[in-house]
Amino acid sequence: MNKAGILICILLCAGASAAAAQRAAQNEPAQADAPQRTTATFMDWVVQCEALTKPQYQKVCDMAQVTQLQGKNVPFSRVAVAHPTKGQPIRLIVQLPVNASFGRTVRIQTSDADLGIAAPFARCLPSGCFADFDLKDDMVKKFRSATGTGKVSFADAGGHDVVVPLSFNGFNQAYEALAKE
């Protein structure tokens, strides 16, 4: 893979915008009005914020955990919690590979004993298939108090069960930081 390809993967894996990745691939300098990005790591979770200046100032933040297959430089899955908006449900978005089966739901569990929560796939794009969850207060509490490894499960296009580990180490601290943004 060439340097531009590696840089694109690093930018996209870190949640950077496609425009920034394209500028990097074309060796174009970032413009003065380019979005400003910050990240903070809380064990296995990363809080990312992007300050957009056009058309008006807006700060967009989320916390996420990315899983990669061993020996691969591209994300296999991404679990993200969007910045809580007052009066709106907390949104959790799971991104999985495009070979997912729409016939089965995506399930998130904090442990094997937890029944967890499930949601259908909402859409597929070239970058992956997405399931959106509304997190109620009781589920946020459960995620914040969870320790260790839970899981995300879904079925691939062939109907085979796929289980992806999901660490809750640092979830509470990342959520606190996200809520302050």
Protein backbone atom coordinates (compact mmCIF):
# COMPACT_ATOMS: atom_id res chain seq x y z
CA MET A 1 0.00 0.00 0.00
CA ASN A 2 1.39 3.46 -0.84
CA LYS A 3 1.78 6.29 1.68
CA ALA A 4 -1.41 8.03 0.55
CA GLY A 5 -3.39 4.79 0.97
CA ILE A 6 -2.01 4.28 4.48
CA LEU A 7 -2.82 7.88 5.38
CA ILE A 8 -6.36 7.49 4.06
CA CYS A 9 -6.84 4.37 6.19
CA ILE A 10 -5.48 6.13 9.27
CA LEU A 11 -7.74 9.14 8.73
CA LEU A 12 -10.84 7.08 8.00
CA CYS A 13 -10.13 4.62 10.81
CA ALA A 14 -9.90 7.56 13.20
CA GLY A 15 -13.25 8.89 12.00
CA ALA A 16 -11.92 11.79 9.93
CA SER A 17 -14.02 13.18 7.14
CA ALA A 18 -13.78 11.87 3.61
CA ALA A 19 -12.80 15.36 2.42
CA ALA A 20 -9.75 15.36 4.71
CA ALA A 21 -8.77 11.90 3.46
CA GLN A 22 -9.11 13.04 -0.14
CA ARG A 23 -6.98 16.16 0.49
CA ALA A 24 -4.32 13.98 2.12
CA ALA A 25 -4.31 11.54 -0.80
CA GLN A 26 -3.87 14.42 -3.22
CA ASN A 27 -1.19 15.99 -1.01
CA GLU A 28 -3.27 19.16 -0.75
CA PRO A 29 -2.65 21.32 2.29
CA ALA A 30 -5.47 21.71 4.76
CA GLN A 31 -7.28 25.00 4.36
CA ALA A 32 -7.50 27.54 7.14
CA ASP A 33 -11.21 26.82 7.47
CA ALA A 34 -10.70 23.05 7.66
CA PRO A 35 -12.43 21.34 10.60
CA GLN A 36 -10.43 21.13 13.82
CA ARG A 37 -10.35 17.67 15.38
CA THR A 38 -9.59 16.54 18.90
CA THR A 39 -9.47 13.06 20.38
CA ALA A 40 -9.14 11.67 23.88
CA THR A 41 -8.70 8.00 24.75
CA PHE A 42 -10.38 6.37 27.75
CA MET A 43 -9.04 2.81 27.88
CA ASP A 44 -10.83 1.10 24.95
CA TRP A 45 -13.01 4.08 23.90
CA VAL A 46 -12.06 7.22 22.00
CA VAL A 47 -13.96 10.51 22.23
CA GLN A 48 -13.67 12.47 18.98
CA CYS A 49 -14.82 16.02 18.31
CA GLU A 50 -14.78 17.96 15.08
CA ALA A 51 -15.35 21.71 15.07
CA LEU A 52 -16.90 22.79 11.78
CA THR A 53 -16.69 26.47 10.87
CA LYS A 54 -18.81 26.63 7.73
CA PRO A 55 -21.57 27.51 7.14
CA GLN A 56 -21.65 28.27 10.88
CA TYR A 57 -19.69 27.03 13.87
CA GLN A 58 -20.79 23.61 15.03
CA LYS A 59 -19.04 21.04 17.22
CA VAL A 60 -19.83 17.38 16.52
CA CYS A 61 -18.66 14.75 18.99
CA ASP A 62 -18.99 11.02 19.53
CA MET A 63 -17.29 8.21 21.40
CA ALA A 64 -16.34 5.06 19.58
CA GLN A 65 -14.60 1.73 19.65
CA VAL A 66 -13.19 0.23 16.46
CA THR A 67 -12.43 -3.46 15.97
CA GLN A 68 -9.96 -4.63 13.34
CA LEU A 69 -9.22 -8.10 12.10
CA GLN A 70 -5.74 -9.30 12.95
CA GLY A 71 -3.29 -8.33 10.21
CA LYS A 72 -5.76 -5.97 8.51
CA ASN A 73 -5.48 -2.20 8.41
CA VAL A 74 -9.17 -1.49 7.94
CA PRO A 75 -11.90 -1.45 10.56
CA PHE A 76 -14.14 -4.50 10.79
CA SER A 77 -16.66 -2.87 13.10
CA ARG A 78 -17.29 0.46 14.77
CA VAL A 79 -19.58 1.07 17.74
CA ALA A 80 -20.25 4.75 18.40
CA VAL A 81 -22.35 6.78 20.79
CA ALA A 82 -23.36 10.17 19.45
CA HIS A 83 -23.16 13.23 21.67
CA PRO A 84 -26.31 13.31 23.82
CA THR A 85 -28.74 16.01 22.72
CA LYS A 86 -31.03 17.43 25.38
CA GLY A 87 -34.54 16.03 24.99
CA GLN A 88 -33.48 13.42 22.41
CA PRO A 89 -32.71 9.72 22.97
CA ILE A 90 -29.05 8.76 23.15
CA ARG A 91 -28.03 7.21 19.83
CA LEU A 92 -25.71 4.24 19.47
CA ILE A 93 -24.67 3.35 15.92
CA VAL A 94 -23.04 0.06 14.98
CA GLN A 95 -21.17 -0.21 11.68
CA LEU A 96 -20.49 -3.72 10.38
CA PRO A 97 -19.21 -5.20 7.09
CA VAL A 98 -21.37 -4.97 3.97
CA ASN A 99 -21.84 -8.74 3.82
CA ALA A 100 -24.32 -8.61 6.72
CA SER A 101 -27.72 -10.29 6.55
CA PHE A 102 -30.63 -7.88 6.79
CA GLY A 103 -32.85 -10.80 7.84
CA ARG A 104 -31.38 -10.82 11.36
CA THR A 105 -30.92 -8.11 13.95
CA VAL A 106 -27.73 -6.77 15.46
CA ARG A 107 -27.47 -7.55 19.18
CA ILE A 108 -25.32 -5.87 21.82
CA GLN A 109 -24.71 -7.60 25.15
CA THR A 110 -22.63 -6.53 28.13
CA SER A 111 -22.00 -10.20 29.04
CA ASP A 112 -23.13 -13.70 28.10
CA ALA A 113 -25.79 -13.56 30.84
CA ASP A 114 -27.20 -10.25 29.53
CA LEU A 115 -30.11 -10.47 27.07
CA GLY A 116 -28.88 -7.19 25.61
CA ILE A 117 -30.57 -5.00 23.06
CA ALA A 118 -31.28 -5.62 19.39
CA ALA A 119 -31.96 -3.46 16.34
CA PRO A 120 -32.39 -4.17 12.65
CA PHE A 121 -29.97 -2.88 10.05
CA ALA A 122 -31.07 0.57 8.91
CA ARG A 123 -28.91 1.02 5.80
CA CYS A 124 -25.86 -0.15 3.90
CA LEU A 125 -23.28 2.06 2.23
CA PRO A 126 -20.01 1.10 0.55
CA SER A 127 -18.29 1.66 3.93
CA GLY A 128 -20.54 -0.78 5.81
CA CYS A 129 -24.00 -1.65 7.09
CA PHE A 130 -25.44 0.32 10.00
CA ALA A 131 -27.81 -0.46 12.86
CA ASP A 132 -29.12 2.39 15.00
CA PHE A 133 -30.12 1.99 18.63
CA ASP A 134 -31.96 4.39 20.96
CA LEU A 135 -30.37 3.92 24.37
CA LYS A 136 -32.82 4.31 27.22
CA ASP A 137 -31.55 5.44 30.63
CA ASP A 138 -31.52 1.89 32.03
CA MET A 139 -29.34 0.66 29.16
CA VAL A 140 -26.94 3.61 29.49
CA LYS A 141 -26.65 2.77 33.21
CA LYS A 142 -25.94 -0.88 32.36
CA PHE A 143 -23.26 0.08 29.81
CA ARG A 144 -21.67 2.55 32.25
CA SER A 145 -21.45 -0.02 35.02
CA ALA A 146 -20.32 -2.89 32.76
CA THR A 147 -16.75 -4.08 33.04
CA GLY A 148 -14.81 -6.37 30.80
CA THR A 149 -15.93 -7.64 27.44
CA GLY A 150 -19.40 -7.88 25.97
CA LYS A 151 -20.24 -8.59 22.36
CA VAL A 152 -21.90 -7.43 19.17
CA SER A 153 -23.51 -10.25 17.21
CA PHE A 154 -25.07 -10.41 13.76
CA ALA A 155 -25.39 -12.81 10.84
CA ASP A 156 -23.36 -12.53 7.65
CA ALA A 157 -24.91 -12.85 4.19
CA GLY A 158 -24.46 -16.63 4.33
CA GLY A 159 -26.49 -16.81 7.56
CA HIS A 160 -23.45 -17.58 9.74
CA ASP A 161 -23.38 -16.05 13.21
CA VAL A 162 -20.62 -13.50 13.70
CA VAL A 163 -19.59 -12.32 17.17
CA VAL A 164 -17.39 -9.27 17.67
CA PRO A 165 -15.98 -8.53 21.13
CA LEU A 166 -16.99 -5.18 22.61
CA SER A 167 -15.00 -3.87 25.54
CA PHE A 168 -16.76 -1.75 28.13
CA ASN A 169 -13.43 -0.75 29.75
CA GLY A 170 -13.43 3.04 29.80
CA PHE A 171 -17.03 3.39 28.60
CA ASN A 172 -18.12 5.28 31.73
CA GLN A 173 -15.20 7.73 31.59
CA ALA A 174 -15.64 8.29 27.85
CA TYR A 175 -19.37 8.87 28.32
CA GLU A 176 -18.67 11.44 31.05
CA ALA A 177 -16.21 13.25 28.77
CA LEU A 178 -18.64 13.12 25.84
CA ALA A 179 -21.47 14.55 27.96
CA LYS A 180 -19.26 17.54 28.89
CA GLU A 181 -18.54 18.46 25.25
